Amino acid sequence: MKKITAVIREEAAQTILDLLAQIGMQNATVSEVTAVGPQANDPDSSKLDITLGRLSKKMLKLEFFTPEEYLQRVVAIVLSGADTNRAGDGVLSVTEVTDLYRINKRQKLT
């Protein structure tokens, strides 16, 4: 089992979630985050954040779990859905999940 975390432009999220739903991935966690650093210097969406004292931009973080056999397909969907060919499109990471539990059933899923 793998955990995928993608920090992407807000406008890419719905397309990515729709494409993932088409392959049976219905569950995801979506959080609003603030990106800072050189990649946040996007004239279309960055702003000077007074509390941080630097340029920042709002992005979304998508997190979801996928079996190994879906990994390459899921990564391809996220990369193609998030890519605008501009700096600040975001990042994607894949991490190994050793144990995953469904809390309400106290059931181990991995």
C-alpha atoms as a PDB file:
ATOM      1  CA  MET A   1       0.000   0.000   0.000  1.00  0.00           C
ATOM      2  CA  LYS A   2       1.223   3.501  -0.849  1.00  0.00           C
ATOM      3  CA  LYS A   3       0.276   6.954   0.380  1.00  0.00           C
ATOM      4  CA  ILE A   4       0.265   9.686  -2.227  1.00  0.00           C
ATOM      5  CA  THR A   5       0.519  13.317  -1.204  1.00  0.00           C
ATOM      6  CA  ALA A   6       0.172  16.012  -3.837  1.00  0.00           C
ATOM      7  CA  VAL A   7       0.330  19.755  -3.251  1.00  0.00           C
ATOM      8  CA  ILE A   8      -1.280  21.309  -6.315  1.00  0.00           C
ATOM      9  CA  ARG A   9      -2.926  24.425  -7.673  1.00  0.00           C
ATOM     10  CA  GLU A  10      -6.506  24.779  -6.445  1.00  0.00           C
ATOM     11  CA  GLU A  11      -7.954  24.795  -9.946  1.00  0.00           C
ATOM     12  CA  ALA A  12      -6.472  21.341 -10.734  1.00  0.00           C
ATOM     13  CA  ALA A  13      -8.108  19.498  -7.837  1.00  0.00           C
ATOM     14  CA  GLN A  14     -11.552  18.794  -9.275  1.00  0.00           C
ATOM     15  CA  THR A  15     -10.178  17.383 -12.521  1.00  0.00           C
ATOM     16  CA  ILE A  16      -7.795  15.100 -10.647  1.00  0.00           C
ATOM     17  CA  LEU A  17     -10.471  13.895  -8.224  1.00  0.00           C
ATOM     18  CA  ASP A  18     -12.873  13.213 -11.122  1.00  0.00           C
ATOM     19  CA  LEU A  19     -10.239  11.198 -13.005  1.00  0.00           C
ATOM     20  CA  LEU A  20      -9.381   9.205  -9.883  1.00  0.00           C
ATOM     21  CA  ALA A  21     -13.077   8.449  -9.325  1.00  0.00           C
ATOM     22  CA  GLN A  22     -13.217   6.987 -12.847  1.00  0.00           C
ATOM     23  CA  ILE A  23     -10.699   4.320 -11.831  1.00  0.00           C
ATOM     24  CA  GLY A  24     -12.509   3.583  -8.565  1.00  0.00           C
ATOM     25  CA  MET A  25     -10.644   5.832  -6.144  1.00  0.00           C
ATOM     26  CA  GLN A  26     -13.461   7.548  -4.254  1.00  0.00           C
ATOM     27  CA  ASN A  27     -11.700   8.619  -1.043  1.00  0.00           C
ATOM     28  CA  ALA A  28      -9.225  11.450  -0.555  1.00  0.00           C
ATOM     29  CA  THR A  29      -8.325  14.027   2.037  1.00  0.00           C
ATOM     30  CA  VAL A  30      -8.214  17.585   0.700  1.00  0.00           C
ATOM     31  CA  SER A  31      -6.639  20.380   2.757  1.00  0.00           C
ATOM     32  CA  GLU A  32      -5.947  24.020   1.988  1.00  0.00           C
ATOM     33  CA  VAL A  33      -2.280  24.838   2.497  1.00  0.00           C
ATOM     34  CA  THR A  34      -0.022  27.847   2.042  1.00  0.00           C
ATOM     35  CA  ALA A  35       3.082  27.422  -0.107  1.00  0.00           C
ATOM     36  CA  VAL A  36       6.106  29.660   0.451  1.00  0.00           C
ATOM     37  CA  GLY A  37       9.413  29.850  -1.362  1.00  0.00           C
ATOM     38  CA  PRO A  38      10.667  30.604  -4.858  1.00  0.00           C
ATOM     39  CA  GLN A  39       7.940  28.528  -6.536  1.00  0.00           C
ATOM     40  CA  ALA A  40       5.288  30.670  -4.846  1.00  0.00           C
ATOM     41  CA  ASN A  41       6.425  33.598  -7.002  1.00  0.00           C
ATOM     42  CA  ASP A  42       3.587  33.073  -9.470  1.00  0.00           C
ATOM     43  CA  PRO A  43       2.273  36.438 -10.699  1.00  0.00           C
ATOM     44  CA  ASP A  44      -1.186  34.940 -11.263  1.00  0.00           C
ATOM     45  CA  SER A  45      -1.759  33.680  -7.749  1.00  0.00           C
ATOM     46  CA  SER A  46       0.942  34.677  -5.245  1.00  0.00           C
ATOM     47  CA  LYS A  47       0.712  37.503  -2.763  1.00  0.00           C
ATOM     48  CA  LEU A  48       2.851  39.005  -0.059  1.00  0.00           C
ATOM     49  CA  ASP A  49       1.874  37.439   3.250  1.00  0.00           C
ATOM     50  CA  ILE A  50       2.434  39.943   6.030  1.00  0.00           C
ATOM     51  CA  THR A  51       2.529  37.298   8.778  1.00  0.00           C
ATOM     52  CA  LEU A  52       5.107  35.204   6.896  1.00  0.00           C
ATOM     53  CA  GLY A  53       7.017  38.159   5.476  1.00  0.00           C
ATOM     54  CA  ARG A  54       7.376  36.549   2.038  1.00  0.00           C
ATOM     55  CA  LEU A  55       5.508  35.592  -1.079  1.00  0.00           C
ATOM     56  CA  SER A  56       2.985  32.834  -0.602  1.00  0.00           C
ATOM     57  CA  LYS A  57       0.127  31.226  -2.450  1.00  0.00           C
ATOM     58  CA  LYS A  58      -2.838  29.087  -1.525  1.00  0.00           C
ATOM     59  CA  MET A  59      -2.697  25.515  -2.771  1.00  0.00           C
ATOM     60  CA  LEU A  60      -4.497  22.273  -2.024  1.00  0.00           C
ATOM     61  CA  LYS A  61      -2.998  19.146  -0.543  1.00  0.00           C
ATOM     62  CA  LEU A  62      -4.523  15.860  -1.713  1.00  0.00           C
ATOM     63  CA  GLU A  63      -3.744  12.726   0.270  1.00  0.00           C
ATOM     64  CA  PHE A  64      -4.912   9.222  -0.494  1.00  0.00           C
ATOM     65  CA  PHE A  65      -3.933   5.569  -0.246  1.00  0.00           C
ATOM     66  CA  THR A  66      -3.606   3.232  -3.180  1.00  0.00           C
ATOM     67  CA  PRO A  67      -2.632  -0.389  -3.686  1.00  0.00           C
ATOM     68  CA  GLU A  68       0.713  -0.953  -5.419  1.00  0.00           C
ATOM     69  CA  GLU A  69      -0.970  -2.172  -8.612  1.00  0.00           C
ATOM     70  CA  TYR A  70      -2.681   1.234  -9.135  1.00  0.00           C
ATOM     71  CA  LEU A  71       0.340   3.344  -8.263  1.00  0.00           C
ATOM     72  CA  GLN A  72       1.691   4.210 -11.720  1.00  0.00           C
ATOM     73  CA  ARG A  73      -1.785   4.955 -13.057  1.00  0.00           C
ATOM     74  CA  VAL A  74      -2.593   7.228 -10.114  1.00  0.00           C
ATOM     75  CA  VAL A  75       0.731   9.067 -10.342  1.00  0.00           C
ATOM     76  CA  ALA A  76       0.156   9.623 -14.076  1.00  0.00           C
ATOM     77  CA  ILE A  77      -3.334  11.031 -13.411  1.00  0.00           C
ATOM     78  CA  VAL A  78      -2.088  13.477 -10.785  1.00  0.00           C
ATOM     79  CA  LEU A  79       0.919  14.601 -12.824  1.00  0.00           C
ATOM     80  CA  SER A  80      -1.087  15.168 -15.991  1.00  0.00           C
ATOM     81  CA  GLY A  81      -3.996  16.812 -14.153  1.00  0.00           C
ATOM     82  CA  ALA A  82      -1.796  19.215 -12.209  1.00  0.00           C
ATOM     83  CA  ASP A  83       0.716  20.160 -14.900  1.00  0.00           C
ATOM     84  CA  THR A  84       0.280  23.623 -16.414  1.00  0.00           C
ATOM     85  CA  ASN A  85       3.936  23.776 -17.460  1.00  0.00           C
ATOM     86  CA  ARG A  86       4.499  26.736 -15.116  1.00  0.00           C
ATOM     87  CA  ALA A  87       6.561  27.092 -11.977  1.00  0.00           C
ATOM     88  CA  GLY A  88       4.439  26.486  -8.904  1.00  0.00           C
ATOM     89  CA  ASP A  89       2.376  23.569 -10.256  1.00  0.00           C
ATOM     90  CA  GLY A  90       3.199  21.682  -7.066  1.00  0.00           C
ATOM     91  CA  VAL A  91       4.821  18.473  -5.891  1.00  0.00           C
ATOM     92  CA  LEU A  92       3.857  14.831  -5.524  1.00  0.00           C
ATOM     93  CA  SER A  93       5.321  12.289  -3.114  1.00  0.00           C
ATOM     94  CA  VAL A  94       4.804   8.555  -2.700  1.00  0.00           C
ATOM     95  CA  THR A  95       5.504   6.857   0.603  1.00  0.00           C
ATOM     96  CA  GLU A  96       5.285   3.256   1.736  1.00  0.00           C
ATOM     97  CA  VAL A  97       2.493   2.418   4.183  1.00  0.00           C
ATOM     98  CA  THR A  98       3.337  -0.462   6.494  1.00  0.00           C
ATOM     99  CA  ASP A  99       0.058  -0.513   8.432  1.00  0.00           C
ATOM    100  CA  LEU A 100      -3.331   0.976   7.622  1.00  0.00           C
ATOM    101  CA  TYR A 101      -6.444   0.553   9.785  1.00  0.00           C
ATOM    102  CA  ARG A 102     -10.116   1.371   9.369  1.00  0.00           C
ATOM    103  CA  ILE A 103     -10.865   2.970  12.729  1.00  0.00           C
ATOM    104  CA  ASN A 104     -14.612   2.347  13.029  1.00  0.00           C
ATOM    105  CA  LYS A 105     -14.184  -1.383  12.391  1.00  0.00           C
ATOM    106  CA  ARG A 106     -10.800  -1.694  14.076  1.00  0.00           C
ATOM    107  CA  GLN A 107      -9.806  -3.554  10.946  1.00  0.00           C
ATOM    108  CA  LYS A 108      -6.297  -3.758   9.524  1.00  0.00           C
ATOM    109  CA  LEU A 109      -6.366  -3.014   5.793  1.00  0.00           C
ATOM    110  CA  THR A 110      -2.723  -3.781   4.948  1.00  0.00           C
END
